[in-house]
PDB file of all heavy atoms in Angstrom:
ATOM      1  N   ARG A   1      61.236 123.625  97.103  1.00  0.00           N
ATOM      2  CA  ARG A   1      62.627 124.082  96.972  1.00  0.00           C
ATOM      3  C   ARG A   1      63.193 124.517  98.334  1.00  0.00           C
ATOM      4  O   ARG A   1      64.344 124.235  98.650  1.00  0.00           O
ATOM      5  CB  ARG A   1      62.706 125.228  95.962  1.00  0.00           C
ATOM      6  CG  ARG A   1      62.504 124.779  94.518  1.00  0.00           C
ATOM      7  CD  ARG A   1      62.964 125.843  93.535  1.00  0.00           C
ATOM      8  NE  ARG A   1      62.129 127.046  93.620  1.00  0.00           N
ATOM      9  CZ  ARG A   1      61.023 127.235  92.917  1.00  0.00           C
ATOM     10  NH1 ARG A   1      60.591 126.298  92.087  1.00  0.00           N
ATOM     11  NH2 ARG A   1      60.328 128.363  93.026  1.00  0.00           N
ATOM     12  N   ARG A   2      62.374 125.200  99.119  1.00  0.00           N
ATOM     13  CA  ARG A   2      62.830 125.599 100.456  1.00  0.00           C
ATOM     14  C   ARG A   2      63.069 124.379 101.343  1.00  0.00           C
ATOM     15  O   ARG A   2      64.034 124.329 102.102  1.00  0.00           O
ATOM     16  CB  ARG A   2      61.803 126.522 101.107  1.00  0.00           C
ATOM     17  CG  ARG A   2      61.803 127.931 100.544  1.00  0.00           C
ATOM     18  CD  ARG A   2      60.741 128.771 101.228  1.00  0.00           C
ATOM     19  NE  ARG A   2      60.885 130.182 100.903  1.00  0.00           N
ATOM     20  CZ  ARG A   2      60.110 131.133 101.392  1.00  0.00           C
ATOM     21  NH1 ARG A   2      59.139 130.820 102.247  1.00  0.00           N
ATOM     22  NH2 ARG A   2      60.304 132.397 101.052  1.00  0.00           N
ATOM     23  N   PHE A   3      62.171 123.410 101.236  1.00  0.00           N
ATOM     24  CA  PHE A   3      62.349 122.181 102.016  1.00  0.00           C
ATOM     25  C   PHE A   3      63.669 121.504 101.670  1.00  0.00           C
ATOM     26  O   PHE A   3      64.427 121.098 102.568  1.00  0.00           O
ATOM     27  CB  PHE A   3      61.181 121.214 101.770  1.00  0.00           C
ATOM     28  CG  PHE A   3      61.460 119.823 102.265  1.00  0.00           C
ATOM     29  CD1 PHE A   3      61.360 119.519 103.612  1.00  0.00           C
ATOM     30  CD2 PHE A   3      61.858 118.826 101.380  1.00  0.00           C
ATOM     31  CE1 PHE A   3      61.644 118.243 104.074  1.00  0.00           C
ATOM     32  CE2 PHE A   3      62.138 117.543 101.830  1.00  0.00           C
ATOM     33  CZ  PHE A   3      62.031 117.248 103.180  1.00  0.00           C
ATOM     34  N   LEU A   4      63.955 121.356 100.366  1.00  0.00           N
ATOM     35  CA  LEU A   4      65.183 120.680  99.951  1.00  0.00           C
ATOM     36  C   LEU A   4      66.428 121.469 100.379  1.00  0.00           C
ATOM     37  O   LEU A   4      67.437 120.872 100.768  1.00  0.00           O
ATOM     38  CB  LEU A   4      65.183 120.478  98.430  1.00  0.00           C
ATOM     39  CG  LEU A   4      64.227 119.400  97.905  1.00  0.00           C
ATOM     40  CD1 LEU A   4      64.206 119.413  96.386  1.00  0.00           C
ATOM     41  CD2 LEU A   4      64.624 118.019  98.432  1.00  0.00           C
ATOM     42  N   LEU A   5      66.368 122.793 100.307  1.00  0.00           N
ATOM     43  CA  LEU A   5      67.500 123.609 100.742  1.00  0.00           C
ATOM     44  C   LEU A   5      67.819 123.334 102.201  1.00  0.00           C
ATOM     45  O   LEU A   5      68.990 123.100 102.572  1.00  0.00           O
ATOM     46  CB  LEU A   5      67.178 125.090 100.530  1.00  0.00           C
ATOM     47  CG  LEU A   5      68.210 126.083 101.090  1.00  0.00           C
ATOM     48  CD1 LEU A   5      69.541 125.938 100.371  1.00  0.00           C
ATOM     49  CD2 LEU A   5      67.690 127.516 100.978  1.00  0.00           C
ATOM     50  N   LEU A   6      66.790 123.342 103.052  1.00  0.00           N
ATOM     51  CA  LEU A   6      67.009 123.093 104.474  1.00  0.00           C
ATOM     52  C   LEU A   6      67.393 121.639 104.736  1.00  0.00           C
ATOM     53  O   LEU A   6      68.180 121.342 105.643  1.00  0.00           O
ATOM     54  CB  LEU A   6      65.748 123.451 105.262  1.00  0.00           C
ATOM     55  CG  LEU A   6      65.386 124.939 105.275  1.00  0.00           C
ATOM     56  CD1 LEU A   6      64.016 125.146 105.900  1.00  0.00           C
ATOM     57  CD2 LEU A   6      66.432 125.746 106.025  1.00  0.00           C
ATOM     58  N   PHE A   7      66.848 120.713 103.966  1.00  0.00           N
ATOM     59  CA  PHE A   7      67.164 119.290 104.102  1.00  0.00           C
ATOM     60  C   PHE A   7      68.651 119.048 103.898  1.00  0.00           C
ATOM     61  O   PHE A   7      69.315 118.374 104.705  1.00  0.00           O
ATOM     62  CB  PHE A   7      66.332 118.494 103.091  1.00  0.00           C
ATOM     63  CG  PHE A   7      66.498 117.009 103.193  1.00  0.00           C
ATOM     64  CD1 PHE A   7      65.693 116.271 104.040  1.00  0.00           C
ATOM     65  CD2 PHE A   7      67.458 116.345 102.429  1.00  0.00           C
ATOM     66  CE1 PHE A   7      65.842 114.881 104.133  1.00  0.00           C
ATOM     67  CE2 PHE A   7      67.609 114.969 102.511  1.00  0.00           C
ATOM     68  CZ  PHE A   7      66.807 114.234 103.365  1.00  0.00           C
ATOM     69  N   TRP A   8      69.192 119.616 102.803  1.00  0.00           N
ATOM     70  CA  TRP A   8      70.615 119.421 102.515  1.00  0.00           C
ATOM     71  C   TRP A   8      71.502 120.255 103.457  1.00  0.00           C
ATOM     72  O   TRP A   8      72.593 119.835 103.820  1.00  0.00           O
ATOM     73  CB  TRP A   8      70.919 119.774 101.060  1.00  0.00           C
ATOM     74  CG  TRP A   8      70.274 118.842 100.080  1.00  0.00           C
ATOM     75  CD1 TRP A   8      69.336 119.132  99.137  1.00  0.00           C
ATOM     76  CD2 TRP A   8      70.512 117.432  99.959  1.00  0.00           C
ATOM     77  NE1 TRP A   8      68.968 118.016  98.436  1.00  0.00           N
ATOM     78  CE2 TRP A   8      69.682 116.953  98.916  1.00  0.00           C
ATOM     79  CE3 TRP A   8      71.338 116.531 100.621  1.00  0.00           C
ATOM     80  CZ2 TRP A   8      69.655 115.619  98.532  1.00  0.00           C
ATOM     81  CZ3 TRP A   8      71.316 115.190 100.245  1.00  0.00           C
ATOM     82  CH2 TRP A   8      70.490 114.757  99.210  1.00  0.00           C
ATOM     83  N   LEU A   9      71.020 121.413 103.866  1.00  0.00           N
ATOM     84  CA  LEU A   9      71.771 122.240 104.806  1.00  0.00           C
ATOM     85  C   LEU A   9      71.937 121.522 106.140  1.00  0.00           C
ATOM     86  O   LEU A   9      73.013 121.578 106.752  1.00  0.00           O
ATOM     87  CB  LEU A   9      71.062 123.584 105.017  1.00  0.00           C
ATOM     88  CG  LEU A   9      71.718 124.552 106.011  1.00  0.00           C
ATOM     89  CD1 LEU A   9      73.138 124.911 105.584  1.00  0.00           C
ATOM     90  CD2 LEU A   9      70.870 125.809 106.174  1.00  0.00           C
ATOM     91  N   ASN A  10      70.915 120.833 106.571  1.00  0.00           N
ATOM     92  CA  ASN A  10      70.990 120.062 107.812  1.00  0.00           C
ATOM     93  C   ASN A  10      72.111 119.034 107.752  1.00  0.00           C
ATOM     94  O   ASN A  10      72.909 118.893 108.688  1.00  0.00           O
ATOM     95  CB  ASN A  10      69.637 119.381 108.055  1.00  0.00           C
ATOM     96  CG  ASN A  10      69.605 118.579 109.341  1.00  0.00           C
ATOM     97  OD1 ASN A  10      70.345 118.844 110.288  1.00  0.00           O
ATOM     98  ND2 ASN A  10      68.737 117.585 109.381  1.00  0.00           N
ATOM     99  N   ILE A  11      72.193 118.318 106.652  1.00  0.00           N
ATOM    100  CA  ILE A  11      73.264 117.323 106.466  1.00  0.00           C
ATOM    101  C   ILE A  11      74.624 118.006 106.400  1.00  0.00           C
ATOM    102  O   ILE A  11      75.601 117.557 107.017  1.00  0.00           O
ATOM    103  CB  ILE A  11      73.008 116.494 105.194  1.00  0.00           C
ATOM    104  CG1 ILE A  11      71.711 115.674 105.354  1.00  0.00           C
ATOM    105  CG2 ILE A  11      74.192 115.575 104.895  1.00  0.00           C
ATOM    106  CD1 ILE A  11      71.278 114.940 104.103  1.00  0.00           C
ATOM    107  N   ALA A  12      74.691 119.117 105.676  1.00  0.00           N
ATOM    108  CA  ALA A  12      75.965 119.835 105.523  1.00  0.00           C
ATOM    109  C   ALA A  12      76.484 120.349 106.863  1.00  0.00           C
ATOM    110  O   ALA A  12      77.697 120.313 107.131  1.00  0.00           O
ATOM    111  CB  ALA A  12      75.795 120.992 104.539  1.00  0.00           C
ATOM    112  N   LEU A  13      75.590 120.825 107.723  1.00  0.00           N
ATOM    113  CA  LEU A  13      76.014 121.340 109.024  1.00  0.00           C
ATOM    114  C   LEU A  13      76.576 120.231 109.906  1.00  0.00           C
ATOM    115  O   LEU A  13      77.539 120.449 110.651  1.00  0.00           O
ATOM    116  CB  LEU A  13      74.839 122.029 109.722  1.00  0.00           C
ATOM    117  CG  LEU A  13      74.397 123.365 109.117  1.00  0.00           C
ATOM    118  CD1 LEU A  13      73.090 123.833 109.748  1.00  0.00           C
ATOM    119  CD2 LEU A  13      75.478 124.431 109.284  1.00  0.00           C
ATOM    120  N   SER A  14      75.995 119.036 109.823  1.00  0.00           N
ATOM    121  CA  SER A  14      76.537 117.895 110.568  1.00  0.00           C
ATOM    122  C   SER A  14      77.920 117.513 110.052  1.00  0.00           C
ATOM    123  O   SER A  14      78.822 117.193 110.825  1.00  0.00           O
ATOM    124  CB  SER A  14      75.586 116.698 110.473  1.00  0.00           C
ATOM    125  OG  SER A  14      74.439 116.906 111.253  1.00  0.00           O
ATOM    126  N   ALA A  15      78.071 117.550 108.735  1.00  0.00           N
ATOM    127  CA  ALA A  15      79.375 117.233 108.144  1.00  0.00           C
ATOM    128  C   ALA A  15      80.416 118.278 108.535  1.00  0.00           C
ATOM    129  O   ALA A  15      81.563 117.942 108.863  1.00  0.00           O
ATOM    130  CB  ALA A  15      79.255 117.137 106.626  1.00  0.00           C
ATOM    131  N   TRP A  16      80.034 119.554 108.513  1.00  0.00           N
ATOM    132  CA  TRP A  16      80.968 120.613 108.907  1.00  0.00           C
ATOM    133  C   TRP A  16      81.427 120.418 110.354  1.00  0.00           C
ATOM    134  O   TRP A  16      82.614 120.535 110.654  1.00  0.00           O
ATOM    135  CB  TRP A  16      80.319 121.983 108.740  1.00  0.00           C
ATOM    136  CG  TRP A  16      81.169 123.092 109.300  1.00  0.00           C
ATOM    137  CD1 TRP A  16      81.084 123.663 110.533  1.00  0.00           C
ATOM    138  CD2 TRP A  16      82.288 123.715 108.655  1.00  0.00           C
ATOM    139  NE1 TRP A  16      82.053 124.611 110.705  1.00  0.00           N
ATOM    140  CE2 TRP A  16      82.810 124.666 109.561  1.00  0.00           C
ATOM    141  CE3 TRP A  16      82.882 123.566 107.403  1.00  0.00           C
ATOM    142  CZ2 TRP A  16      83.901 125.456 109.245  1.00  0.00           C
ATOM    143  CZ3 TRP A  16      83.974 124.369 107.095  1.00  0.00           C
ATOM    144  CH2 TRP A  16      84.475 125.296 108.005  1.00  0.00           C
ATOM    145  N   TYR A  17      80.465 120.137 111.236  1.00  0.00           N
ATOM    146  CA  TYR A  17      80.802 119.901 112.646  1.00  0.00           C
ATOM    147  C   TYR A  17      81.822 118.780 112.773  1.00  0.00           C
ATOM    148  O   TYR A  17      82.843 118.919 113.465  1.00  0.00           O
ATOM    149  CB  TYR A  17      79.536 119.549 113.425  1.00  0.00           C
ATOM    150  CG  TYR A  17      79.809 118.901 114.759  1.00  0.00           C
ATOM    151  CD1 TYR A  17      80.290 119.642 115.837  1.00  0.00           C
ATOM    152  CD2 TYR A  17      79.605 117.532 114.947  1.00  0.00           C
ATOM    153  CE1 TYR A  17      80.554 119.039 117.055  1.00  0.00           C
ATOM    154  CE2 TYR A  17      79.854 116.928 116.161  1.00  0.00           C
ATOM    155  CZ  TYR A  17      80.335 117.680 117.209  1.00  0.00           C
ATOM    156  OH  TYR A  17      80.609 117.083 118.417  1.00  0.00           O
ATOM    157  N   ALA A  18      81.564 117.656 112.125  1.00  0.00           N
ATOM    158  CA  ALA A  18      82.445 116.496 112.269  1.00  0.00           C
ATOM    159  C   ALA A  18      83.818 116.740 111.661  1.00  0.00           C
ATOM    160  O   ALA A  18      84.851 116.441 112.268  1.00  0.00           O
ATOM    161  CB  ALA A  18      81.791 115.273 111.626  1.00  0.00           C
ATOM    162  N   PHE A  19      83.853 117.321 110.466  1.00  0.00           N
ATOM    163  CA  PHE A  19      85.132 117.462 109.767  1.00  0.00           C
ATOM    164  C   PHE A  19      85.963 118.642 110.278  1.00  0.00           C
ATOM    165  O   PHE A  19      87.120 118.792 109.887  1.00  0.00           O
ATOM    166  CB  PHE A  19      84.899 117.558 108.256  1.00  0.00           C
ATOM    167  CG  PHE A  19      84.724 116.215 107.616  1.00  0.00           C
ATOM    168  CD1 PHE A  19      83.468 115.635 107.530  1.00  0.00           C
ATOM    169  CD2 PHE A  19      85.813 115.508 107.140  1.00  0.00           C
ATOM    170  CE1 PHE A  19      83.304 114.388 106.960  1.00  0.00           C
ATOM    171  CE2 PHE A  19      85.673 114.256 106.567  1.00  0.00           C
ATOM    172  CZ  PHE A  19      84.406 113.689 106.476  1.00  0.00           C
ATOM    173  N   TRP A  20      85.393 119.470 111.164  1.00  0.00           N
ATOM    174  CA  TRP A  20      86.228 120.478 111.816  1.00  0.00           C
ATOM    175  C   TRP A  20      87.293 119.811 112.683  1.00  0.00           C
ATOM    176  O   TRP A  20      88.344 120.389 112.939  1.00  0.00           O
ATOM    177  CB  TRP A  20      85.369 121.418 112.660  1.00  0.00           C
ATOM    178  CG  TRP A  20      86.157 122.503 113.321  1.00  0.00           C
ATOM    179  CD1 TRP A  20      86.479 122.613 114.641  1.00  0.00           C
ATOM    180  CD2 TRP A  20      86.777 123.626 112.668  1.00  0.00           C
ATOM    181  NE1 TRP A  20      87.243 123.734 114.872  1.00  0.00           N
ATOM    182  CE2 TRP A  20      87.437 124.376 113.668  1.00  0.00           C
ATOM    183  CE3 TRP A  20      86.824 124.069 111.342  1.00  0.00           C
ATOM    184  CZ2 TRP A  20      88.140 125.542 113.386  1.00  0.00           C
ATOM    185  CZ3 TRP A  20      87.524 125.231 111.066  1.00  0.00           C
ATOM    186  CH2 TRP A  20      88.174 125.950 112.075  1.00  0.00           C
ATOM    187  N   PHE A  21      87.036 118.577 113.096  1.00  0.00           N
ATOM    188  CA  PHE A  21      87.973 117.847 113.945  1.00  0.00           C
ATOM    189  C   PHE A  21      88.855 116.897 113.135  1.00  0.00           C
ATOM    190  O   PHE A  21      89.580 116.087 113.703  1.00  0.00           O
ATOM    191  CB  PHE A  21      87.204 117.071 115.024  1.00  0.00           C
ATOM    192  CG  PHE A  21      86.304 117.953 115.843  1.00  0.00           C
ATOM    193  CD1 PHE A  21      84.924 117.896 115.706  1.00  0.00           C
ATOM    194  CD2 PHE A  21      86.835 118.876 116.726  1.00  0.00           C
ATOM    195  CE1 PHE A  21      84.097 118.724 116.435  1.00  0.00           C
ATOM    196  CE2 PHE A  21      86.022 119.707 117.467  1.00  0.00           C
ATOM    197  CZ  PHE A  21      84.649 119.627 117.321  1.00  0.00           C
ATOM    198  N   TYR A  22      88.811 117.006 111.810  1.00  0.00           N
ATOM    199  CA  TYR A  22      89.666 116.191 110.936  1.00  0.00           C
ATOM    200  C   TYR A  22      91.131 116.591 111.125  1.00  0.00           C
ATOM    201  O   TYR A  22      91.460 117.776 111.187  1.00  0.00           O
ATOM    202  CB  TYR A  22      89.233 116.384 109.487  1.00  0.00           C
ATOM    203  CG  TYR A  22      90.094 115.663 108.480  1.00  0.00           C
ATOM    204  CD1 TYR A  22      90.314 114.298 108.582  1.00  0.00           C
ATOM    205  CD2 TYR A  22      90.682 116.359 107.426  1.00  0.00           C
ATOM    206  CE1 TYR A  22      91.102 113.635 107.652  1.00  0.00           C
ATOM    207  CE2 TYR A  22      91.473 115.706 106.488  1.00  0.00           C
ATOM    208  CZ  TYR A  22      91.680 114.341 106.610  1.00  0.00           C
ATOM    209  OH  TYR A  22      92.470 113.692 105.700  1.00  0.00           O
ATOM    210  N   LYS A  23      91.978 115.605 111.209  1.00  0.00           N
ATOM    211  CA  LYS A  23      93.395 115.858 111.517  1.00  0.00           C
ATOM    212  C   LYS A  23      94.109 116.670 110.449  1.00  0.00           C
ATOM    213  O   LYS A  23      95.141 117.292 110.714  1.00  0.00           O
ATOM    214  CB  LYS A  23      94.126 114.536 111.743  1.00  0.00           C
ATOM    215  CG  LYS A  23      94.105 113.577 110.569  1.00  0.00           C
ATOM    216  CD  LYS A  23      94.724 112.241 110.953  1.00  0.00           C
ATOM    217  CE  LYS A  23      94.681 111.229 109.817  1.00  0.00           C
ATOM    218  NZ  LYS A  23      95.242 109.916 110.223  1.00  0.00           N
ATOM    219  N   GLY A  24      93.531 116.720 109.245  1.00  0.00           N
ATOM    220  CA  GLY A  24      94.148 117.504 108.192  1.00  0.00           C
ATOM    221  C   GLY A  24      94.130 119.003 108.447  1.00  0.00           C
ATOM    222  O   GLY A  24      94.901 119.759 107.853  1.00  0.00           O
ATOM    223  N   TRP A  25      93.240 119.454 109.355  1.00  0.00           N
ATOM    224  CA  TRP A  25      93.171 120.874 109.697  1.00  0.00           C
ATOM    225  C   TRP A  25      94.327 121.315 110.606  1.00  0.00           C
ATOM    226  O   TRP A  25      94.630 122.503 110.688  1.00  0.00           O
ATOM    227  CB  TRP A  25      91.868 121.173 110.453  1.00  0.00           C
ATOM    228  CG  TRP A  25      90.632 121.340 109.634  1.00  0.00           C
ATOM    229  CD1 TRP A  25      89.637 120.429 109.463  1.00  0.00           C
ATOM    230  CD2 TRP A  25      90.242 122.493 108.884  1.00  0.00           C
ATOM    231  NE1 TRP A  25      88.636 120.943 108.663  1.00  0.00           N
ATOM    232  CE2 TRP A  25      88.993 122.222 108.293  1.00  0.00           C
ATOM    233  CE3 TRP A  25      90.824 123.750 108.659  1.00  0.00           C
ATOM    234  CZ2 TRP A  25      88.312 123.133 107.495  1.00  0.00           C
ATOM    235  CZ3 TRP A  25      90.140 124.671 107.868  1.00  0.00           C
ATOM    236  CH2 TRP A  25      88.914 124.347 107.292  1.00  0.00           C
ATOM    237  N   GLN A  26      94.916 120.375 111.345  1.00  0.00           N
ATOM    238  CA  GLN A  26      95.805 120.750 112.447  1.00  0.00           C
ATOM    239  C   GLN A  26      96.988 121.630 112.033  1.00  0.00           C
ATOM    240  O   GLN A  26      97.310 122.595 112.743  1.00  0.00           O
ATOM    241  CB  GLN A  26      96.316 119.499 113.172  1.00  0.00           C
ATOM    242  CG  GLN A  26      96.977 119.790 114.519  1.00  0.00           C
ATOM    243  CD  GLN A  26      96.094 120.615 115.447  1.00  0.00           C
ATOM    244  OE1 GLN A  26      94.881 120.458 115.485  1.00  0.00           O
ATOM    245  NE2 GLN A  26      96.718 121.526 116.196  1.00  0.00           N
ATOM    246  N   PRO A  27      97.670 121.357 110.915  1.00  0.00           N
ATOM    247  CA  PRO A  27      98.777 122.258 110.537  1.00  0.00           C
ATOM    248  C   PRO A  27      98.322 123.713 110.371  1.00  0.00           C
ATOM    249  O   PRO A  27      99.033 124.637 110.784  1.00  0.00           O
ATOM    250  CB  PRO A  27      99.268 121.676 109.207  1.00  0.00           C
ATOM    251  CG  PRO A  27      98.889 120.229 109.264  1.00  0.00           C
ATOM    252  CD  PRO A  27      97.579 120.200 110.001  1.00  0.00           C
ATOM    253  N   LEU A  28      97.133 123.909 109.792  1.00  0.00           N
ATOM    254  CA  LEU A  28      96.614 125.263 109.621  1.00  0.00           C
ATOM    255  C   LEU A  28      96.264 125.879 110.978  1.00  0.00           C
ATOM    256  O   LEU A  28      96.534 127.069 111.227  1.00  0.00           O
ATOM    257  CB  LEU A  28      95.388 125.236 108.710  1.00  0.00           C
ATOM    258  CG  LEU A  28      94.779 126.602 108.356  1.00  0.00           C
ATOM    259  CD1 LEU A  28      95.790 127.460 107.596  1.00  0.00           C
ATOM    260  CD2 LEU A  28      93.506 126.410 107.527  1.00  0.00           C
ATOM    261  N   LYS A  29      95.682 125.092 111.866  1.00  0.00           N
ATOM    262  CA  LYS A  29      95.326 125.588 113.196  1.00  0.00           C
ATOM    263  C   LYS A  29      96.559 125.974 114.005  1.00  0.00           C
ATOM    264  O   LYS A  29      96.520 126.886 114.830  1.00  0.00           O
ATOM    265  CB  LYS A  29      94.501 124.538 113.956  1.00  0.00           C
ATOM    266  CG  LYS A  29      93.091 124.353 113.409  1.00  0.00           C
ATOM    267  CD  LYS A  29      92.307 123.344 114.243  1.00  0.00           C
ATOM    268  CE  LYS A  29      90.889 123.196 113.721  1.00  0.00           C
ATOM    269  NZ  LYS A  29      90.081 122.249 114.514  1.00  0.00           N
ATOM    270  N   GLU A  30      97.652 125.276 113.775  1.00  0.00           N
ATOM    271  CA  GLU A  30      98.889 125.609 114.486  1.00  0.00           C
ATOM    272  C   GLU A  30      99.459 126.943 114.012  1.00  0.00           C
ATOM    273  O   GLU A  30     100.100 127.662 114.772  1.00  0.00           O
ATOM    274  CB  GLU A  30      99.920 124.495 114.293  1.00  0.00           C
ATOM    275  CG  GLU A  30      99.568 123.213 115.057  1.00  0.00           C
ATOM    276  CD  GLU A  30     100.501 122.062 114.745  1.00  0.00           C
ATOM    277  OE1 GLU A  30     101.404 122.264 113.880  1.00  0.00           O
ATOM    278  OE2 GLU A  30     100.347 120.979 115.326  1.00  0.00           O
ATOM    279  N   ARG A  31      99.203 127.290 112.743  1.00  0.00           N
ATOM    280  CA  ARG A  31      99.707 128.555 112.207  1.00  0.00           C
ATOM    281  C   ARG A  31      98.781 129.729 112.528  1.00  0.00           C
ATOM    282  O   ARG A  31      99.244 130.854 112.703  1.00  0.00           O
ATOM    283  CB  ARG A  31      99.888 128.446 110.683  1.00  0.00           C
ATOM    284  CG  ARG A  31     101.081 127.605 110.267  1.00  0.00           C
ATOM    285  CD  ARG A  31     101.457 127.860 108.815  1.00  0.00           C
ATOM    286  NE  ARG A  31     100.430 127.419 107.904  1.00  0.00           N
ATOM    287  CZ  ARG A  31     100.363 126.184 107.380  1.00  0.00           C
ATOM    288  NH1 ARG A  31     101.277 125.283 107.719  1.00  0.00           N
ATOM    289  NH2 ARG A  31      99.407 125.860 106.540  1.00  0.00           N
ATOM    290  N   ILE A  32      97.481 129.470 112.605  1.00  0.00           N
ATOM    291  CA  ILE A  32      96.499 130.538 112.873  1.00  0.00           C
ATOM    292  C   ILE A  32      95.836 130.233 114.206  1.00  0.00           C
ATOM    293  O   ILE A  32      94.937 129.378 114.294  1.00  0.00           O
ATOM    294  CB  ILE A  32      95.450 130.626 111.744  1.00  0.00           C
ATOM    295  CG1 ILE A  32      96.132 130.817 110.390  1.00  0.00           C
ATOM    296  CG2 ILE A  32      94.470 131.763 112.019  1.00  0.00           C
ATOM    297  CD1 ILE A  32      95.186 130.750 109.206  1.00  0.00           C
ATOM    298  N   SER A  33      96.254 130.903 115.256  1.00  0.00           N
ATOM    299  CA  SER A  33      95.807 130.564 116.610  1.00  0.00           C
ATOM    300  C   SER A  33      94.304 130.735 116.796  1.00  0.00           C
ATOM    301  O   SER A  33      93.688 130.016 117.585  1.00  0.00           O
ATOM    302  CB  SER A  33      96.554 131.411 117.638  1.00  0.00           C
ATOM    303  OG  SER A  33      96.259 132.792 117.464  1.00  0.00           O
ATOM    304  N   LEU A  34      93.685 131.673 116.066  1.00  0.00           N
ATOM    305  CA  LEU A  34      92.250 131.901 116.217  1.00  0.00           C
ATOM    306  C   LEU A  34      91.438 130.654 115.870  1.00  0.00           C
ATOM    307  O   LEU A  34      90.357 130.433 116.419  1.00  0.00           O
ATOM    308  CB  LEU A  34      91.802 133.075 115.335  1.00  0.00           C
ATOM    309  CG  LEU A  34      90.337 133.517 115.488  1.00  0.00           C
ATOM    310  CD1 LEU A  34      90.075 134.025 116.905  1.00  0.00           C
ATOM    311  CD2 LEU A  34      89.975 134.580 114.464  1.00  0.00           C
ATOM    312  N   LEU A  35      91.959 129.819 114.984  1.00  0.00           N
ATOM    313  CA  LEU A  35      91.266 128.583 114.621  1.00  0.00           C
ATOM    314  C   LEU A  35      91.252 127.598 115.783  1.00  0.00           C
ATOM    315  O   LEU A  35      90.426 126.675 115.808  1.00  0.00           O
ATOM    316  CB  LEU A  35      91.917 127.946 113.390  1.00  0.00           C
ATOM    317  CG  LEU A  35      91.893 128.778 112.112  1.00  0.00           C
ATOM    318  CD1 LEU A  35      92.554 128.032 110.968  1.00  0.00           C
ATOM    319  CD2 LEU A  35      90.462 129.160 111.737  1.00  0.00           C
ATOM    320  N   ASN A  36      92.180 127.769 116.730  1.00  0.00           N
ATOM    321  CA  ASN A  36      92.181 126.939 117.935  1.00  0.00           C
ATOM    322  C   ASN A  36      91.352 127.566 119.040  1.00  0.00           C
ATOM    323  O   ASN A  36      90.602 126.892 119.733  1.00  0.00           O
ATOM    324  CB  ASN A  36      93.613 126.749 118.445  1.00  0.00           C
ATOM    325  CG  ASN A  36      94.143 125.361 118.136  1.00  0.00           C
ATOM    326  OD1 ASN A  36      93.389 124.432 117.901  1.00  0.00           O
ATOM    327  ND2 ASN A  36      95.454 125.221 118.150  1.00  0.00           N
ATOM    328  N   THR A  37      91.498 128.866 119.214  1.00  0.00           N
ATOM    329  CA  THR A  37      90.859 129.525 120.346  1.00  0.00           C
ATOM    330  C   THR A  37      89.374 129.783 120.122  1.00  0.00           C
ATOM    331  O   THR A  37      88.625 129.970 121.075  1.00  0.00           O
ATOM    332  CB  THR A  37      91.562 130.862 120.659  1.00  0.00           C
ATOM    333  OG1 THR A  37      91.580 131.676 119.479  1.00  0.00           O
ATOM    334  CG2 THR A  37      93.001 130.627 121.099  1.00  0.00           C
ATOM    335  N   PHE A  38      88.929 129.793 118.859  1.00  0.00           N
ATOM    336  CA  PHE A  38      87.514 129.996 118.548  1.00  0.00           C
ATOM    337  C   PHE A  38      86.985 128.737 117.865  1.00  0.00           C
ATOM    338  O   PHE A  38      87.602 128.234 116.923  1.00  0.00           O
ATOM    339  CB  PHE A  38      87.329 131.210 117.636  1.00  0.00           C
ATOM    340  CG  PHE A  38      85.900 131.615 117.442  1.00  0.00           C
ATOM    341  CD1 PHE A  38      85.274 132.437 118.361  1.00  0.00           C
ATOM    342  CD2 PHE A  38      85.175 131.156 116.360  1.00  0.00           C
ATOM    343  CE1 PHE A  38      83.943 132.812 118.195  1.00  0.00           C
ATOM    344  CE2 PHE A  38      83.846 131.518 116.180  1.00  0.00           C
ATOM    345  CZ  PHE A  38      83.234 132.357 117.097  1.00  0.00           C
ATOM    346  N   ASN A  39      85.858 128.240 118.323  1.00  0.00           N
ATOM    347  CA  ASN A  39      85.321 126.972 117.839  1.00  0.00           C
ATOM    348  C   ASN A  39      84.405 127.188 116.635  1.00  0.00           C
ATOM    349  O   ASN A  39      83.191 127.386 116.776  1.00  0.00           O
ATOM    350  CB  ASN A  39      84.572 126.269 118.974  1.00  0.00           C
ATOM    351  CG  ASN A  39      84.157 124.857 118.598  1.00  0.00           C
ATOM    352  OD1 ASN A  39      84.364 124.411 117.473  1.00  0.00           O
ATOM    353  ND2 ASN A  39      83.559 124.153 119.535  1.00  0.00           N
ATOM    354  N   PHE A  40      84.973 127.108 115.447  1.00  0.00           N
ATOM    355  CA  PHE A  40      84.186 127.303 114.234  1.00  0.00           C
ATOM    356  C   PHE A  40      83.300 126.096 113.910  1.00  0.00           C
ATOM    357  O   PHE A  40      82.457 126.178 113.012  1.00  0.00           O
ATOM    358  CB  PHE A  40      85.109 127.606 113.051  1.00  0.00           C
ATOM    359  CG  PHE A  40      85.697 128.985 113.083  1.00  0.00           C
ATOM    360  CD1 PHE A  40      86.945 129.217 113.660  1.00  0.00           C
ATOM    361  CD2 PHE A  40      85.005 130.058 112.568  1.00  0.00           C
ATOM    362  CE1 PHE A  40      87.491 130.491 113.709  1.00  0.00           C
ATOM    363  CE2 PHE A  40      85.535 131.334 112.607  1.00  0.00           C
ATOM    364  CZ  PHE A  40      86.779 131.557 113.181  1.00  0.00           C
ATOM    365  N   ALA A  41      83.474 125.001 114.626  1.00  0.00           N
ATOM    366  CA  ALA A  41      82.582 123.851 114.427  1.00  0.00           C
ATOM    367  C   ALA A  41      81.153 124.194 114.782  1.00  0.00           C
ATOM    368  O   ALA A  41      80.208 123.517 114.355  1.00  0.00           O
ATOM    369  CB  ALA A  41      83.049 122.670 115.285  1.00  0.00           C
ATOM    370  N   ARG A  42      80.961 125.276 115.549  1.00  0.00           N
ATOM    371  CA  ARG A  42      79.631 125.600 116.063  1.00  0.00           C
ATOM    372  C   ARG A  42      78.681 126.167 115.013  1.00  0.00           C
ATOM    373  O   ARG A  42      77.590 126.615 115.374  1.00  0.00           O
ATOM    374  CB  ARG A  42      79.763 126.562 117.238  1.00  0.00           C
ATOM    375  CG  ARG A  42      80.288 125.888 118.488  1.00  0.00           C
ATOM    376  CD  ARG A  42      80.460 126.850 119.627  1.00  0.00           C
ATOM    377  NE  ARG A  42      80.903 126.181 120.827  1.00  0.00           N
ATOM    378  CZ  ARG A  42      81.592 126.771 121.801  1.00  0.00           C
ATOM    379  NH1 ARG A  42      81.913 128.057 121.694  1.00  0.00           N
ATOM    380  NH2 ARG A  42      81.955 126.100 122.870  1.00  0.00           N
TER     381      ARG A  42
END
């Protein structure tokens, strides 16, 4: 169970990193400056 949790978490973290740069986020980032100045993709 621990192995599977980390296995799927690894995939999820890669997806989070990539989709932080999805263009659909940009309107929200323009309204909340912290989303631009702080890199939550990390």
